[in-house]
Amino acid sequence: MHNAPSSMLLIIDDDIAIQTSLSLLFRREGFTVRVADGPFETRAVLDEETPELVLLDMNFSVDTSGDDGLRLLRYLRERLPTLPVILFTGWGSIDLAVQGMKAGAADFITKPWQNDHLVQSVQTALRLAQRAQPPTGTASAQRKRLDAQFRFENIVGDDPILLDVLTTIGRVAPTDAPVLITGESGTGKELIAEAVHQNSRRNRQPFVKVNLGGISSTLFESELFGHVRGAFTDAKTDRTGRFELANRGSIFLDEIGDLDPASQVKLLRVLQDRTFEPLGSSKSRTVDVRVICATNRNLEEMVAQGTFREDLFYRINLITVRLPALRERPGDIPALVNFFINNLRRLYGRPNLTVEKGALNWLKNLPLSGNIRQLKNIVERAVLLAPTDVLATSDFERHLSPSVTTDRSPSSLSSILPLDQLERQMIERAMAHHHNRIPQVARALGITRFALYRRLEKYGLNYDSLDSPD
């Protein structure tokens, strides 16, 4: 992206070499560049014109405490509250950069910087500043406008809280801003992460998902950064890590709140420098990725408790999106149920599947601690076990324990029939519906044929000559 010649960038640094280097870089990108050595020159520039963005060194005087930089940042924020400011800092002053982020800086870049990363950060901050326009119109009109502009086809609902989320995603997706998605389990964080990628300029490149909660600390480096042959006992070949697989695309780091302190340090480096070394190698590799993180934990509390690094927190949460729990948007439940039913019609070959209006109203008042994931399971269970294609309240209710319909606390669990009993019923219903065709039954249940055979043997269900062709 080349900016219009009228776009002005102000560089505040007392090092003439840095001023010259950055001026050349950004003039090539189409900016008009002004420079200032410190507070006095900065005020003089601002009296003449207003920059689009400021690059501010944290130590631009003999005093290396960074206090002058923080004071000037606060002055800029007071004088021009919406002006994006990106901080320059060395690793030794990361704490200062974190203070700067708290004071309103858009980002911080460590020295020595990579030109493409710095330009990318500037472009991202500018796009975010330009897109900060409030939505207007009714909820349904807003949803239609969003669907006309962006790819949100798998995200269902038009509750105002959800529309705020989608509006934010629409604004930030075309940038390379790191996004942190928070919310309870089952609220659809992975869907939002996919939407960020699909609506970005990287949508033709890889989207790599990593469940950090499922990776042990001993495997963290190998999984994320790869390893070379001989790095450890079982490393018989080179392995490409997830970050390298995601190069030029996006990486989704789910359950980032589960990372242990040592892994947090290793992750911070690649997020900051865009460089890493595969395990067992001394050669650094550069990677260009858009980072999207998600967690159901309160990272701010973890920072206060010392269990999550503050500098990593500010590195990943330039944009934070909080997904509402389903109980916060019950009006979207009927639309979600119908969305699931549409998919199940095709999956099970049952075009006449419908849900009675009374059942939809009943589901709206059901406490769903598992959120969208739990609702989807309830709907699919009802479809498999209901005697007809018209689902009534009783079809949903009969397989739930009383605690689900009475306990409305967020921490309540979705109690159902005993697992073995429910599984047997689901298999029997699926076998009957698909006329004992094993391939179709396994596909409908989302398991392999081998797994289905094991369950048929477990429950003593006859499957002689059942493996007929599709």
Protein backbone atom coordinates (compact mmCIF):
# COMPACT_ATOMS: atom_id res chain seq x y z
CA MET A 1 0.00 0.00 0.00
CA HIS A 2 1.35 3.43 -0.97
CA ASN A 3 -0.05 6.38 0.93
CA ALA A 4 -1.06 9.65 -0.68
CA PRO A 5 1.73 12.25 -0.81
CA SER A 6 -0.31 14.44 1.56
CA SER A 7 -0.02 11.84 4.36
CA MET A 8 2.48 13.19 6.86
CA LEU A 9 4.55 11.10 9.24
CA LEU A 10 6.41 12.70 12.15
CA ILE A 11 9.58 10.97 13.38
CA ILE A 12 10.79 12.02 16.86
CA ASP A 13 14.33 10.80 17.52
CA ASP A 14 17.56 12.61 18.39
CA ASP A 15 19.74 10.22 16.33
CA ILE A 16 20.40 11.75 12.90
CA ALA A 17 21.19 8.31 11.42
CA ILE A 18 17.79 6.97 12.48
CA GLN A 19 16.04 10.11 11.23
CA THR A 20 17.71 9.74 7.83
CA SER A 21 17.08 5.99 7.54
CA LEU A 22 13.39 6.24 8.45
CA SER A 23 12.85 9.32 6.30
CA LEU A 24 14.15 7.47 3.22
CA LEU A 25 12.08 4.38 4.03
CA PHE A 26 8.78 6.19 4.43
CA ARG A 27 9.28 8.62 1.56
CA ARG A 28 9.55 5.55 -0.66
CA GLU A 29 6.19 4.47 0.79
CA GLY A 30 4.60 7.75 -0.32
CA PHE A 31 4.66 9.70 2.93
CA THR A 32 5.67 13.26 3.54
CA VAL A 33 8.11 13.02 6.46
CA ARG A 34 8.95 15.56 9.16
CA VAL A 35 11.52 14.99 11.88
CA ALA A 36 11.98 16.36 15.39
CA ASP A 37 14.79 15.93 17.92
CA GLY A 38 12.62 16.27 21.03
CA PRO A 39 9.69 18.08 22.70
CA PHE A 40 10.56 21.62 21.58
CA GLU A 41 10.83 20.71 17.87
CA THR A 42 7.72 18.50 18.15
CA ARG A 43 5.62 21.41 19.39
CA ALA A 44 6.93 23.57 16.54
CA VAL A 45 5.90 20.95 13.94
CA LEU A 46 2.44 20.51 15.48
CA ASP A 47 1.89 24.27 15.39
CA GLU A 48 2.39 24.13 11.61
CA GLU A 49 0.54 20.93 10.64
CA THR A 50 -1.00 17.75 12.02
CA PRO A 51 0.69 14.44 11.19
CA GLU A 52 -1.15 11.27 10.25
CA LEU A 53 1.04 9.24 12.62
CA VAL A 54 4.03 9.69 14.96
CA LEU A 55 7.05 7.42 15.41
CA LEU A 56 8.40 8.23 18.88
CA ASP A 57 11.70 7.06 20.34
CA MET A 58 11.47 6.37 24.07
CA ASN A 59 14.95 7.78 24.76
CA PHE A 60 15.70 10.87 22.72
CA SER A 61 17.84 12.72 25.24
CA VAL A 62 20.93 12.14 27.40
CA ASP A 63 18.63 10.85 30.12
CA THR A 64 17.93 7.18 29.22
CA SER A 65 15.19 6.58 31.78
CA GLY A 66 12.47 6.97 29.15
CA ASP A 67 10.63 9.53 31.27
CA ASP A 68 11.02 12.19 28.56
CA GLY A 69 9.49 9.84 26.01
CA LEU A 70 6.53 9.04 28.24
CA ARG A 71 5.96 12.72 28.98
CA LEU A 72 5.98 13.56 25.29
CA LEU A 73 3.62 10.67 24.55
CA ARG A 74 1.17 11.98 27.15
CA TYR A 75 1.43 15.45 25.64
CA LEU A 76 0.65 14.06 22.17
CA ARG A 77 -2.33 12.09 23.50
CA GLU A 78 -3.73 15.19 25.24
CA ARG A 79 -3.24 17.47 22.26
CA LEU A 80 -4.33 14.99 19.55
CA PRO A 81 -6.29 12.14 21.23
CA THR A 82 -6.91 10.18 18.00
CA LEU A 83 -3.37 10.51 16.61
CA PRO A 84 -1.70 7.05 16.31
CA VAL A 85 1.70 6.91 18.04
CA ILE A 86 4.13 4.01 17.54
CA LEU A 87 7.00 3.69 20.02
CA PHE A 88 10.61 2.74 19.32
CA THR A 89 12.36 0.85 22.07
CA GLY A 90 15.24 -1.51 22.78
CA TRP A 91 14.71 -4.81 24.57
CA GLY A 92 16.11 -3.17 27.68
CA SER A 93 13.17 -0.78 27.82
CA ILE A 94 10.27 -3.13 27.12
CA ASP A 95 8.75 -2.13 30.47
CA LEU A 96 8.71 1.47 29.22
CA ALA A 97 6.96 0.34 26.04
CA VAL A 98 4.28 -1.39 28.12
CA GLN A 99 3.78 1.84 30.07
CA GLY A 100 3.48 3.59 26.73
CA MET A 101 0.81 1.16 25.53
CA LYS A 102 -1.13 1.86 28.72
CA ALA A 103 -0.80 5.58 27.97
CA GLY A 104 -2.40 5.08 24.56
CA ALA A 105 0.34 4.15 22.07
CA ALA A 106 -0.81 2.10 19.09
CA ASP A 107 2.18 -0.26 19.01
CA PHE A 108 5.83 -0.61 19.97
CA ILE A 109 8.72 -1.68 17.77
CA THR A 110 12.03 -2.94 19.11
CA LYS A 111 15.40 -1.89 17.73
CA PRO A 112 16.94 -2.91 15.44
CA TRP A 113 13.73 -2.99 13.41
CA GLN A 114 12.82 -4.80 10.20
CA ASN A 115 11.71 -2.35 7.52
CA ASP A 116 8.79 -4.43 6.25
CA HIS A 117 7.53 -5.05 9.80
CA LEU A 118 7.77 -1.35 10.65
CA VAL A 119 5.95 -0.29 7.47
CA GLN A 120 3.29 -2.93 8.15
CA SER A 121 2.79 -1.60 11.68
CA VAL A 122 2.42 1.98 10.43
CA GLN A 123 -0.07 0.96 7.74
CA THR A 124 -2.09 -1.04 10.28
CA ALA A 125 -2.28 1.87 12.73
CA LEU A 126 -3.38 4.22 9.94
CA ARG A 127 -6.09 1.87 8.67
CA LEU A 128 -7.46 1.39 12.17
CA ALA A 129 -7.60 5.16 12.70
CA GLN A 130 -9.41 5.64 9.38
CA ARG A 131 -11.98 2.91 10.05
CA ALA A 132 -13.19 4.17 13.44
CA GLN A 133 -16.69 5.11 12.26
CA PRO A 134 -19.77 4.24 14.38
CA PRO A 135 -22.45 2.03 12.75
CA THR A 136 -25.92 3.39 12.03
CA GLY A 137 -29.39 1.97 11.27
CA THR A 138 -31.49 -0.90 12.64
CA ALA A 139 -29.96 -4.21 13.66
CA SER A 140 -31.27 -6.07 10.60
CA ALA A 141 -30.13 -3.27 8.27
CA GLN A 142 -26.69 -3.27 9.90
CA ARG A 143 -26.45 -7.04 9.47
CA LYS A 144 -27.38 -6.79 5.78
CA ARG A 145 -24.79 -4.07 5.26
CA LEU A 146 -22.12 -6.16 6.97
CA ASP A 147 -23.02 -9.26 4.93
CA ALA A 148 -22.80 -7.20 1.73
CA GLN A 149 -19.28 -6.04 2.63
CA PHE A 150 -17.75 -9.03 4.40
CA ARG A 151 -17.75 -12.83 4.52
CA PHE A 152 -19.70 -13.60 7.71
CA GLU A 153 -21.85 -16.43 6.36
CA ASN A 154 -21.08 -18.85 9.20
CA ILE A 155 -21.75 -16.32 11.97
CA VAL A 156 -25.45 -16.29 12.82
CA GLY A 157 -27.46 -13.55 14.56
CA ASP A 158 -28.24 -9.85 14.57
CA ASP A 159 -28.15 -9.06 18.29
CA PRO A 160 -26.61 -5.59 18.81
CA ILE A 161 -23.76 -7.06 20.88
CA LEU A 162 -22.86 -9.47 18.08
CA LEU A 163 -23.17 -6.71 15.47
CA ASP A 164 -20.67 -4.62 17.44
CA VAL A 165 -18.27 -7.57 17.26
CA LEU A 166 -18.78 -8.01 13.52
CA THR A 167 -18.39 -4.28 12.91
CA THR A 168 -15.08 -4.35 14.74
CA ILE A 169 -13.95 -7.40 12.77
CA GLY A 170 -14.89 -5.66 9.54
CA ARG A 171 -12.78 -2.67 10.46
CA VAL A 172 -9.68 -4.52 11.59
CA ALA A 173 -9.64 -7.58 9.30
CA PRO A 174 -8.06 -5.74 6.32
CA THR A 175 -5.23 -4.54 8.56
CA ASP A 176 -2.50 -6.71 10.07
CA ALA A 177 -3.39 -5.75 13.64
CA PRO A 178 -3.07 -8.59 16.18
CA VAL A 179 -6.49 -9.56 17.53
CA LEU A 180 -7.30 -11.08 20.92
CA ILE A 181 -10.69 -12.85 21.10
CA THR A 182 -12.09 -13.46 24.58
CA GLY A 183 -15.23 -15.16 25.79
CA GLU A 184 -16.60 -18.27 27.48
CA SER A 185 -16.09 -21.73 26.01
CA GLY A 186 -18.42 -22.48 23.14
CA THR A 187 -19.09 -18.86 22.11
CA GLY A 188 -17.52 -19.25 18.65
CA LYS A 189 -14.03 -17.80 19.06
CA GLU A 190 -12.62 -19.97 16.28
CA LEU A 191 -15.34 -18.80 13.87
CA ILE A 192 -14.46 -15.18 14.61
CA ALA A 193 -10.76 -15.92 14.06
CA GLU A 194 -11.60 -17.51 10.69
CA ALA A 195 -13.68 -14.45 9.79
CA VAL A 196 -10.72 -12.18 10.55
CA HIS A 197 -8.59 -14.22 8.16
CA GLN A 198 -11.24 -14.62 5.44
CA ASN A 199 -11.81 -10.86 5.31
CA SER A 200 -8.13 -9.96 5.32
CA ARG A 201 -5.68 -9.40 2.48
CA ARG A 202 -4.13 -12.73 3.48
CA ASN A 203 -7.24 -14.80 2.76
CA ARG A 204 -5.59 -16.74 -0.07
CA GLN A 205 -2.73 -17.75 2.22
CA PRO A 206 -2.70 -20.38 5.02
CA PHE A 207 -4.84 -20.15 8.13
CA VAL A 208 -3.08 -22.30 10.75
CA LYS A 209 -4.85 -23.21 14.00
CA VAL A 210 -2.89 -24.09 17.13
CA ASN A 211 -4.51 -25.24 20.38
CA LEU A 212 -1.89 -24.13 22.90
CA GLY A 213 -3.79 -25.83 25.71
CA GLY A 214 -3.11 -29.18 24.04
CA ILE A 215 0.66 -28.71 23.62
CA SER A 216 2.95 -29.62 26.49
CA SER A 217 5.77 -27.24 27.42
CA THR A 218 8.34 -29.82 26.27
CA LEU A 219 6.84 -29.93 22.76
CA PHE A 220 6.08 -26.21 22.47
CA GLU A 221 9.20 -25.21 20.50
CA SER A 222 9.06 -28.19 18.18
CA GLU A 223 5.34 -27.68 17.42
CA LEU A 224 5.47 -23.94 16.85
CA PHE A 225 8.95 -23.41 15.45
CA GLY A 226 9.83 -26.84 14.06
CA HIS A 227 13.01 -28.83 14.57
CA VAL A 228 15.94 -30.11 12.56
CA ARG A 229 17.01 -33.71 12.25
CA GLY A 230 18.85 -34.87 15.37
CA ALA A 231 17.54 -32.05 17.60
CA PHE A 232 16.39 -34.74 20.05
CA THR A 233 16.26 -38.52 20.22
CA ASP A 234 13.20 -39.10 18.03
CA ALA A 235 13.89 -36.26 15.57
CA LYS A 236 14.72 -38.45 12.56
CA THR A 237 13.75 -35.80 9.98
CA ASP A 238 13.36 -32.03 9.78
CA ARG A 239 9.93 -30.72 10.79
CA THR A 240 8.30 -27.47 9.76
CA GLY A 241 6.71 -25.59 12.68
CA ARG A 242 3.28 -23.97 12.73
CA PHE A 243 4.62 -20.43 12.38
CA GLU A 244 6.51 -21.33 9.21
CA LEU A 245 3.43 -23.13 7.84
CA ALA A 246 1.46 -19.92 8.40
CA ASN A 247 3.99 -17.70 6.63
CA ARG A 248 2.27 -14.88 4.68
CA GLY A 249 -1.03 -16.00 6.19
CA SER A 250 -2.58 -16.02 9.67
CA ILE A 251 -1.93 -18.10 12.77
CA PHE A 252 -4.68 -18.70 15.36
CA LEU A 253 -3.30 -19.32 18.85
CA ASP A 254 -6.21 -20.71 20.84
CA GLU A 255 -6.16 -20.97 24.66
CA ILE A 256 -3.18 -18.64 24.92
CA GLY A 257 -3.91 -18.18 28.62
CA ASP A 258 -2.74 -21.77 29.21
CA LEU A 259 0.88 -21.05 28.20
CA ASP A 260 3.53 -21.61 30.88
CA PRO A 261 5.97 -18.71 31.61
CA ALA A 262 8.90 -20.19 29.66
CA SER A 263 6.77 -20.70 26.56
CA GLN A 264 5.42 -17.15 26.90
CA VAL A 265 8.98 -15.78 26.58
CA LYS A 266 9.64 -17.86 23.44
CA LEU A 267 6.35 -16.78 21.89
CA LEU A 268 6.99 -13.11 22.68
CA ARG A 269 10.21 -13.13 20.73
CA VAL A 270 8.66 -14.38 17.48
CA LEU A 271 5.72 -11.98 17.84
CA GLN A 272 8.08 -9.06 18.45
CA ASP A 273 10.93 -9.77 16.03
CA ARG A 274 9.17 -12.01 13.49
CA THR A 275 12.19 -14.31 13.79
CA PHE A 276 12.71 -17.77 15.30
CA GLU A 277 15.11 -20.70 15.26
CA PRO A 278 13.87 -24.26 14.75
CA LEU A 279 14.80 -26.49 17.66
CA GLY A 280 18.38 -27.69 17.19
CA SER A 281 19.27 -24.99 14.66
CA SER A 282 21.29 -21.81 15.17
CA LYS A 283 20.03 -20.13 12.00
CA SER A 284 17.27 -17.57 12.43
CA ARG A 285 14.31 -17.63 10.07
CA THR A 286 11.98 -14.73 9.35
CA VAL A 287 8.22 -15.16 9.22
CA ASP A 288 5.39 -12.85 8.13
CA VAL A 289 2.17 -13.78 9.93
CA ARG A 290 -1.02 -12.15 11.17
CA VAL A 291 -1.50 -13.25 14.79
CA ILE A 292 -4.96 -13.98 16.21
CA CYS A 293 -5.25 -15.24 19.79
CA ALA A 294 -8.15 -16.50 21.88
CA THR A 295 -8.77 -17.35 25.51
CA ASN A 296 -11.61 -18.00 27.93
CA ARG A 297 -9.44 -16.77 30.81
CA ASN A 298 -9.07 -13.26 32.22
CA LEU A 299 -5.58 -12.27 31.05
CA GLU A 300 -5.66 -8.93 32.88
CA GLU A 301 -6.15 -10.77 36.17
CA MET A 302 -3.37 -13.18 35.22
CA VAL A 303 -1.05 -10.24 34.49
CA ALA A 304 -1.86 -8.79 37.93
CA GLN A 305 -1.16 -12.18 39.52
CA GLY A 306 2.13 -12.54 37.65
CA THR A 307 1.11 -15.67 35.71
CA PHE A 308 0.94 -13.98 32.29
CA ARG A 309 3.61 -11.62 30.96
CA GLU A 310 2.46 -8.02 30.69
CA ASP A 311 4.60 -7.34 27.61
CA LEU A 312 3.11 -10.38 25.83
CA PHE A 313 -0.38 -9.24 26.80
CA TYR A 314 0.17 -5.84 25.17
CA ARG A 315 1.74 -7.49 22.14
CA ILE A 316 -1.36 -9.60 21.38
CA ASN A 317 -4.23 -7.30 22.35
CA LEU A 318 -3.93 -4.31 20.05
CA ILE A 319 -7.55 -5.14 19.21
CA THR A 320 -9.62 -7.08 21.76
CA VAL A 321 -12.97 -8.63 20.82
CA ARG A 322 -15.18 -10.02 23.58
CA LEU A 323 -17.73 -12.55 22.40
CA PRO A 324 -21.02 -12.51 24.32
CA ALA A 325 -22.32 -15.63 26.03
CA LEU A 326 -25.47 -17.04 24.45
CA ARG A 327 -27.54 -15.98 27.48
CA GLU A 328 -26.58 -12.38 26.61
CA ARG A 329 -28.20 -12.68 23.18
CA PRO A 330 -31.11 -15.15 23.56
CA GLY A 331 -32.93 -13.55 20.63
CA ASP A 332 -30.38 -15.15 18.30
CA ILE A 333 -31.15 -18.70 19.49
CA PRO A 334 -34.02 -19.39 17.00
CA ALA A 335 -31.80 -18.28 14.09
CA LEU A 336 -28.98 -20.51 15.35
CA VAL A 337 -31.32 -23.49 15.71
CA ASN A 338 -32.63 -23.01 12.15
CA PHE A 339 -29.05 -22.69 10.89
CA PHE A 340 -28.17 -26.04 12.50
CA ILE A 341 -31.36 -27.64 11.18
CA ASN A 342 -30.52 -26.51 7.62
CA ASN A 343 -27.12 -28.18 7.88
CA LEU A 344 -28.61 -31.35 9.38
CA ARG A 345 -31.20 -31.60 6.59
CA ARG A 346 -28.35 -32.01 4.12
CA LEU A 347 -26.16 -34.14 6.40
CA TYR A 348 -28.87 -36.70 7.18
CA GLY A 349 -30.82 -36.42 3.93
CA ARG A 350 -33.99 -35.26 5.72
CA PRO A 351 -35.36 -32.27 3.77
CA ASN A 352 -38.55 -32.02 5.88
CA LEU A 353 -36.86 -31.35 9.22
CA THR A 354 -38.48 -28.42 11.05
CA VAL A 355 -38.79 -27.09 14.61
CA GLU A 356 -42.10 -26.05 16.14
CA LYS A 357 -42.36 -22.39 17.17
CA GLY A 358 -43.09 -23.39 20.76
CA ALA A 359 -39.88 -25.41 20.86
CA LEU A 360 -37.90 -22.41 19.60
CA ASN A 361 -39.35 -20.25 22.38
CA TRP A 362 -38.54 -22.96 24.94
CA LEU A 363 -34.94 -23.13 23.74
CA LYS A 364 -34.64 -19.33 24.07
CA ASN A 365 -35.20 -19.66 27.81
CA LEU A 366 -32.91 -22.64 28.31
CA PRO A 367 -29.77 -21.90 30.35
CA LEU A 368 -26.90 -22.95 28.10
CA SER A 369 -23.63 -22.81 29.98
CA GLY A 370 -21.90 -24.44 27.00
CA ASN A 371 -23.18 -21.66 24.72
CA ILE A 372 -23.40 -22.26 20.96
CA ARG A 373 -21.53 -25.57 21.13
CA GLN A 374 -24.03 -26.95 23.66
CA LEU A 375 -27.01 -25.69 21.65
CA LYS A 376 -25.67 -27.40 18.52
CA ASN A 377 -25.28 -30.70 20.38
CA ILE A 378 -28.81 -30.47 21.79
CA VAL A 379 -30.27 -29.83 18.32
CA GLU A 380 -28.32 -32.65 16.66
CA ARG A 381 -29.23 -35.07 19.47
CA ALA A 382 -32.91 -34.21 19.04
CA VAL A 383 -32.71 -34.76 15.29
CA LEU A 384 -31.12 -38.19 15.75
CA LEU A 385 -33.53 -39.39 18.43
CA ALA A 386 -36.86 -37.73 17.53
CA PRO A 387 -39.50 -40.09 16.03
CA THR A 388 -40.65 -37.53 13.41
CA ASP A 389 -39.20 -34.71 11.30
CA VAL A 390 -41.18 -32.06 13.19
CA LEU A 391 -39.27 -31.36 16.41
CA ALA A 392 -41.37 -30.40 19.43
CA THR A 393 -40.28 -29.18 22.86
CA SER A 394 -40.49 -32.75 24.18
CA ASP A 395 -37.90 -33.91 21.64
CA PHE A 396 -35.36 -31.51 23.13
CA GLU A 397 -36.49 -31.84 26.73
CA ARG A 398 -36.67 -35.60 27.18
CA HIS A 399 -32.91 -36.09 26.93
CA LEU A 400 -31.96 -33.38 29.41
CA SER A 401 -31.83 -33.71 33.18
CA PRO A 402 -33.91 -31.28 35.29
CA SER A 403 -30.77 -29.33 36.25
CA VAL A 404 -30.39 -28.04 32.69
CA THR A 405 -33.85 -26.50 32.67
CA THR A 406 -33.64 -25.04 36.18
CA ASP A 407 -30.00 -24.15 36.85
CA ARG A 408 -29.24 -20.83 35.13
CA SER A 409 -25.78 -20.28 36.55
CA PRO A 410 -22.95 -19.90 34.00
CA SER A 411 -21.03 -22.73 35.62
CA SER A 412 -23.78 -25.37 35.37
CA LEU A 413 -22.93 -28.39 33.18
CA SER A 414 -25.11 -29.86 30.44
CA SER A 415 -26.41 -33.03 32.09
CA ILE A 416 -27.92 -35.63 29.75
CA LEU A 417 -28.80 -39.30 29.77
CA PRO A 418 -26.06 -41.70 30.88
CA LEU A 419 -23.43 -41.59 28.16
CA ASP A 420 -23.60 -45.25 27.16
CA GLN A 421 -27.38 -45.16 26.95
CA LEU A 422 -27.41 -42.01 24.86
CA GLU A 423 -24.66 -43.29 22.54
CA ARG A 424 -26.50 -46.56 21.94
CA GLN A 425 -29.73 -44.69 21.13
CA MET A 426 -27.96 -42.40 18.70
CA ILE A 427 -26.33 -45.35 16.91
CA GLU A 428 -29.62 -47.24 16.71
CA ARG A 429 -31.42 -44.20 15.30
CA ALA A 430 -28.66 -43.52 12.78
CA MET A 431 -28.57 -47.20 11.70
CA ALA A 432 -32.32 -47.25 11.20
CA HIS A 433 -32.33 -43.96 9.30
CA HIS A 434 -29.53 -45.01 6.95
CA HIS A 435 -30.84 -48.58 6.53
CA ASN A 436 -27.78 -50.10 8.20
CA ARG A 437 -25.34 -48.69 5.65
CA ILE A 438 -22.14 -48.50 7.66
CA PRO A 439 -20.35 -45.79 5.60
CA GLN A 440 -23.32 -43.42 5.84
CA VAL A 441 -23.91 -44.13 9.52
CA ALA A 442 -20.26 -43.49 10.40
CA ARG A 443 -20.28 -40.24 8.40
CA ALA A 444 -23.49 -39.06 10.08
CA LEU A 445 -22.10 -39.80 13.55
CA GLY A 446 -18.76 -38.16 12.75
CA ILE A 447 -16.69 -41.28 13.51
CA THR A 448 -14.67 -43.79 11.47
CA ARG A 449 -16.08 -47.11 10.30
CA PHE A 450 -13.65 -48.91 12.61
CA ALA A 451 -14.91 -46.85 15.57
CA LEU A 452 -18.50 -47.64 14.60
CA TYR A 453 -17.78 -51.39 14.41
CA ARG A 454 -16.25 -51.26 17.92
CA ARG A 455 -19.39 -49.57 19.29
CA LEU A 456 -21.70 -52.05 17.55
CA GLU A 457 -19.78 -54.88 19.23
CA LYS A 458 -19.79 -53.04 22.57
CA TYR A 459 -23.58 -52.73 22.61
CA GLY A 460 -24.25 -56.16 21.07
CA LEU A 461 -25.91 -54.66 17.99
CA ASN A 462 -26.13 -56.99 14.98
CA TYR A 463 -24.21 -55.67 11.97
CA ASP A 464 -23.91 -58.79 9.78
CA SER A 465 -23.88 -57.87 6.10
CA LEU A 466 -24.56 -54.23 6.94
CA ASP A 467 -21.58 -52.74 5.10
CA SER A 468 -23.48 -52.25 1.86
CA PRO A 469 -22.32 -49.68 -0.70
CA ASP A 470 -23.49 -46.05 -0.55
